[in-house]
N, C-alpha and C. Protein backbone atom coordinates (compact mmCIF):
# COMPACT_ATOMS: atom_id res chain seq x y z
N MET A 1 68.91 9.36 -39.51
CA MET A 1 69.75 9.01 -38.37
C MET A 1 71.01 8.32 -38.90
N SER A 2 72.15 8.81 -38.54
CA SER A 2 73.40 8.21 -39.01
C SER A 2 73.95 7.26 -37.96
N SER A 3 74.68 6.27 -38.45
CA SER A 3 75.26 5.28 -37.55
C SER A 3 76.74 5.59 -37.36
N ASN A 4 77.20 5.44 -36.13
CA ASN A 4 78.62 5.64 -35.84
C ASN A 4 79.37 4.32 -35.84
N ALA A 5 78.71 3.27 -36.31
CA ALA A 5 79.34 1.94 -36.33
C ALA A 5 80.51 1.94 -37.30
N PRO A 6 81.61 1.30 -36.93
CA PRO A 6 82.75 1.24 -37.84
C PRO A 6 82.42 0.36 -39.05
N VAL A 7 83.07 0.66 -40.15
CA VAL A 7 82.90 -0.13 -41.36
C VAL A 7 83.94 -1.23 -41.34
N ILE A 8 83.49 -2.46 -41.50
CA ILE A 8 84.38 -3.62 -41.46
C ILE A 8 84.81 -3.95 -42.89
N ALA A 9 86.11 -3.99 -43.12
CA ALA A 9 86.64 -4.31 -44.44
C ALA A 9 86.39 -5.78 -44.76
N PRO A 10 86.10 -6.11 -46.01
CA PRO A 10 85.87 -7.51 -46.39
C PRO A 10 87.07 -8.41 -46.09
N GLU A 11 88.28 -7.85 -46.09
CA GLU A 11 89.49 -8.62 -45.82
C GLU A 11 89.49 -9.20 -44.40
N THR A 12 88.68 -8.63 -43.54
CA THR A 12 88.58 -9.10 -42.16
C THR A 12 88.15 -10.56 -42.12
N PHE A 13 87.34 -10.96 -43.08
CA PHE A 13 86.78 -12.31 -43.08
C PHE A 13 87.55 -13.27 -43.98
N HIS A 14 88.82 -12.97 -44.23
CA HIS A 14 89.69 -13.85 -45.00
C HIS A 14 90.18 -14.97 -44.09
N GLY A 15 90.32 -16.15 -44.61
CA GLY A 15 90.87 -17.25 -43.82
C GLY A 15 89.80 -18.15 -43.23
N LEU A 16 90.24 -19.10 -42.42
CA LEU A 16 89.36 -20.12 -41.88
C LEU A 16 88.23 -19.54 -41.03
N PHE A 17 88.56 -18.66 -40.08
CA PHE A 17 87.52 -18.10 -39.22
C PHE A 17 86.53 -17.26 -40.02
N GLY A 18 87.01 -16.56 -41.02
CA GLY A 18 86.13 -15.78 -41.89
C GLY A 18 85.18 -16.66 -42.68
N ARG A 19 85.70 -17.78 -43.19
CA ARG A 19 84.84 -18.70 -43.95
C ARG A 19 83.78 -19.31 -43.04
N ILE A 20 84.16 -19.65 -41.81
CA ILE A 20 83.18 -20.21 -40.87
C ILE A 20 82.13 -19.15 -40.52
N ALA A 21 82.57 -17.92 -40.27
CA ALA A 21 81.63 -16.84 -39.95
C ALA A 21 80.68 -16.60 -41.12
N ASP A 22 81.20 -16.64 -42.36
CA ASP A 22 80.35 -16.48 -43.55
C ASP A 22 79.30 -17.59 -43.63
N ALA A 23 79.73 -18.83 -43.33
CA ALA A 23 78.82 -19.97 -43.40
C ALA A 23 77.74 -19.89 -42.32
N LEU A 24 78.08 -19.39 -41.14
CA LEU A 24 77.12 -19.31 -40.04
C LEU A 24 76.21 -18.08 -40.13
N ASP A 25 76.63 -17.06 -40.86
CA ASP A 25 75.92 -15.78 -40.90
C ASP A 25 74.43 -15.91 -41.20
N PRO A 26 74.00 -16.70 -42.19
CA PRO A 26 72.56 -16.78 -42.47
C PRO A 26 71.76 -17.49 -41.37
N HIS A 27 72.44 -18.17 -40.46
CA HIS A 27 71.75 -19.00 -39.48
C HIS A 27 71.82 -18.45 -38.05
N THR A 28 72.28 -17.23 -37.88
CA THR A 28 72.41 -16.66 -36.54
C THR A 28 71.90 -15.23 -36.51
N GLU A 29 71.49 -14.79 -35.34
CA GLU A 29 71.07 -13.41 -35.17
C GLU A 29 72.27 -12.51 -34.89
N GLY A 30 73.40 -13.11 -34.53
CA GLY A 30 74.59 -12.33 -34.19
C GLY A 30 75.23 -11.72 -35.43
N SER A 31 76.03 -10.72 -35.21
CA SER A 31 76.75 -10.11 -36.33
C SER A 31 77.90 -11.02 -36.74
N LYS A 32 78.33 -10.89 -38.00
CA LYS A 32 79.44 -11.70 -38.47
C LYS A 32 80.71 -11.44 -37.66
N VAL A 33 80.90 -10.19 -37.28
CA VAL A 33 82.08 -9.83 -36.48
C VAL A 33 82.00 -10.52 -35.11
N GLY A 34 80.83 -10.52 -34.51
CA GLY A 34 80.64 -11.18 -33.22
C GLY A 34 80.87 -12.68 -33.30
N VAL A 35 80.38 -13.30 -34.37
CA VAL A 35 80.57 -14.73 -34.56
C VAL A 35 82.06 -15.03 -34.71
N MET A 36 82.75 -14.23 -35.52
CA MET A 36 84.18 -14.46 -35.74
C MET A 36 84.98 -14.25 -34.45
N LEU A 37 84.67 -13.22 -33.70
CA LEU A 37 85.36 -12.97 -32.44
C LEU A 37 85.14 -14.12 -31.46
N THR A 38 83.92 -14.64 -31.43
CA THR A 38 83.63 -15.77 -30.56
C THR A 38 84.42 -17.00 -30.98
N LEU A 39 84.48 -17.28 -32.28
CA LEU A 39 85.26 -18.41 -32.78
C LEU A 39 86.74 -18.27 -32.41
N MET A 40 87.28 -17.08 -32.61
CA MET A 40 88.70 -16.85 -32.31
C MET A 40 88.98 -16.98 -30.82
N SER A 41 88.07 -16.49 -30.00
CA SER A 41 88.24 -16.60 -28.54
C SER A 41 88.15 -18.05 -28.10
N ALA A 42 87.20 -18.80 -28.68
CA ALA A 42 87.05 -20.22 -28.33
C ALA A 42 88.30 -21.00 -28.73
N TYR A 43 88.84 -20.71 -29.92
CA TYR A 43 90.06 -21.39 -30.35
C TYR A 43 91.22 -21.05 -29.44
N SER A 44 91.31 -19.80 -29.05
CA SER A 44 92.36 -19.36 -28.14
C SER A 44 92.29 -20.10 -26.81
N ALA A 45 91.07 -20.28 -26.31
CA ALA A 45 90.90 -21.02 -25.06
C ALA A 45 91.26 -22.49 -25.25
N TYR A 46 90.96 -23.03 -26.41
CA TYR A 46 91.24 -24.44 -26.70
C TYR A 46 92.75 -24.71 -26.73
N VAL A 47 93.52 -23.84 -27.40
CA VAL A 47 94.96 -24.09 -27.50
C VAL A 47 95.68 -23.79 -26.19
N GLY A 48 95.05 -23.01 -25.32
CA GLY A 48 95.62 -22.74 -24.01
C GLY A 48 96.81 -21.79 -24.05
N TYR A 49 97.62 -21.87 -22.98
CA TYR A 49 98.74 -20.94 -22.83
C TYR A 49 100.05 -21.50 -23.36
N GLY A 50 100.02 -22.64 -24.05
CA GLY A 50 101.25 -23.22 -24.60
C GLY A 50 101.90 -22.33 -25.64
N PRO A 51 101.19 -21.99 -26.73
CA PRO A 51 101.78 -21.11 -27.74
C PRO A 51 102.03 -19.72 -27.16
N SER A 52 103.22 -19.18 -27.44
CA SER A 52 103.54 -17.85 -26.90
C SER A 52 104.32 -17.04 -27.92
N VAL A 53 104.43 -15.76 -27.64
CA VAL A 53 105.14 -14.82 -28.49
C VAL A 53 106.26 -14.20 -27.67
N GLU A 54 107.47 -14.18 -28.24
CA GLU A 54 108.60 -13.53 -27.57
C GLU A 54 108.46 -12.02 -27.73
N THR A 55 108.59 -11.29 -26.62
CA THR A 55 108.38 -9.84 -26.65
C THR A 55 109.65 -9.02 -26.43
N GLY A 56 110.76 -9.66 -26.13
CA GLY A 56 111.96 -8.92 -25.79
C GLY A 56 112.12 -8.80 -24.28
N LYS A 57 111.02 -8.89 -23.56
CA LYS A 57 111.04 -8.87 -22.10
C LYS A 57 110.54 -10.22 -21.57
N GLY A 58 110.65 -11.24 -22.38
CA GLY A 58 110.13 -12.55 -22.01
C GLY A 58 109.12 -12.98 -23.05
N SER A 59 108.19 -13.80 -22.64
CA SER A 59 107.17 -14.26 -23.58
C SER A 59 105.79 -14.01 -23.00
N THR A 60 104.83 -13.91 -23.89
CA THR A 60 103.45 -13.72 -23.49
C THR A 60 102.60 -14.75 -24.20
N PRO A 61 101.58 -15.29 -23.53
CA PRO A 61 100.74 -16.28 -24.19
C PRO A 61 100.02 -15.69 -25.40
N LEU A 62 99.87 -16.50 -26.41
CA LEU A 62 99.15 -16.09 -27.61
C LEU A 62 97.68 -16.37 -27.36
N ALA A 63 97.00 -15.41 -26.75
CA ALA A 63 95.61 -15.61 -26.34
C ALA A 63 94.77 -14.42 -26.77
N LEU A 64 93.51 -14.69 -27.09
CA LEU A 64 92.57 -13.64 -27.46
C LEU A 64 91.33 -13.81 -26.61
N TRP A 65 91.00 -12.79 -25.87
CA TRP A 65 89.79 -12.80 -25.07
C TRP A 65 88.95 -11.61 -25.51
N GLY A 66 87.90 -11.90 -26.26
CA GLY A 66 87.05 -10.84 -26.77
C GLY A 66 86.07 -10.36 -25.72
N VAL A 67 85.83 -9.07 -25.68
CA VAL A 67 84.87 -8.49 -24.75
C VAL A 67 83.95 -7.58 -25.54
N TRP A 68 82.67 -7.88 -25.50
CA TRP A 68 81.67 -7.02 -26.14
C TRP A 68 81.06 -6.15 -25.06
N TRP A 69 80.97 -4.87 -25.34
CA TRP A 69 80.36 -3.96 -24.38
C TRP A 69 79.44 -3.02 -25.13
N ASP A 70 78.22 -2.93 -24.66
CA ASP A 70 77.26 -2.00 -25.25
C ASP A 70 76.96 -0.97 -24.17
N ALA A 71 77.05 0.29 -24.54
CA ALA A 71 76.81 1.36 -23.57
C ALA A 71 75.40 1.27 -23.02
N PRO A 72 75.25 1.46 -21.71
CA PRO A 72 73.89 1.48 -21.13
C PRO A 72 73.06 2.59 -21.76
N VAL A 73 71.75 2.43 -21.71
CA VAL A 73 70.85 3.41 -22.31
C VAL A 73 71.14 4.81 -21.78
N SER A 74 71.42 4.94 -20.49
CA SER A 74 71.66 6.27 -19.92
C SER A 74 72.90 6.92 -20.55
N VAL A 75 73.91 6.12 -20.90
CA VAL A 75 75.11 6.68 -21.53
C VAL A 75 74.82 7.04 -22.98
N ARG A 76 74.06 6.20 -23.68
CA ARG A 76 73.74 6.49 -25.08
C ARG A 76 72.91 7.76 -25.21
N ARG A 77 72.13 8.07 -24.19
CA ARG A 77 71.28 9.27 -24.24
C ARG A 77 72.02 10.51 -23.77
N ALA A 78 73.20 10.36 -23.26
CA ALA A 78 73.96 11.51 -22.76
C ALA A 78 75.31 11.55 -23.47
N PRO A 79 75.38 12.20 -24.66
CA PRO A 79 76.61 12.20 -25.44
C PRO A 79 77.81 12.79 -24.70
N LEU A 80 77.61 13.79 -23.86
CA LEU A 80 78.73 14.37 -23.14
C LEU A 80 79.32 13.36 -22.16
N LEU A 81 78.45 12.61 -21.50
CA LEU A 81 78.93 11.59 -20.57
C LEU A 81 79.64 10.48 -21.34
N ALA A 82 79.08 10.08 -22.50
CA ALA A 82 79.66 9.01 -23.30
C ALA A 82 81.07 9.37 -23.77
N SER A 83 81.31 10.64 -24.02
CA SER A 83 82.64 11.05 -24.50
C SER A 83 83.68 10.96 -23.39
N ARG A 84 83.23 10.85 -22.14
CA ARG A 84 84.18 10.74 -21.01
C ARG A 84 84.42 9.30 -20.59
N VAL A 85 83.68 8.37 -21.17
CA VAL A 85 83.86 6.95 -20.81
C VAL A 85 85.13 6.44 -21.43
N ALA A 86 85.95 5.75 -20.66
CA ALA A 86 87.20 5.20 -21.18
C ALA A 86 86.89 3.98 -22.03
N TRP A 87 87.25 4.03 -23.28
CA TRP A 87 87.00 2.91 -24.18
C TRP A 87 88.19 2.04 -24.10
């Protein structure tokens, strides 16, 4: 059985959030990617909407809201239906 999971490059875990995710990895059931996304989302919520990025049409808050979605069993069992789901 082959996995369609994406391969995560080691460079993804570079920096502070990567080091924290590496340190927590042996102590959690969650994936390292999930831990890092949660840390980044929590930090984003902590700093709030103050920091922003200029876009040319104004500014947008520098915020990250991670969303994990796992396809329901019925979708996983129906590949044709899964190919029509908007990712």
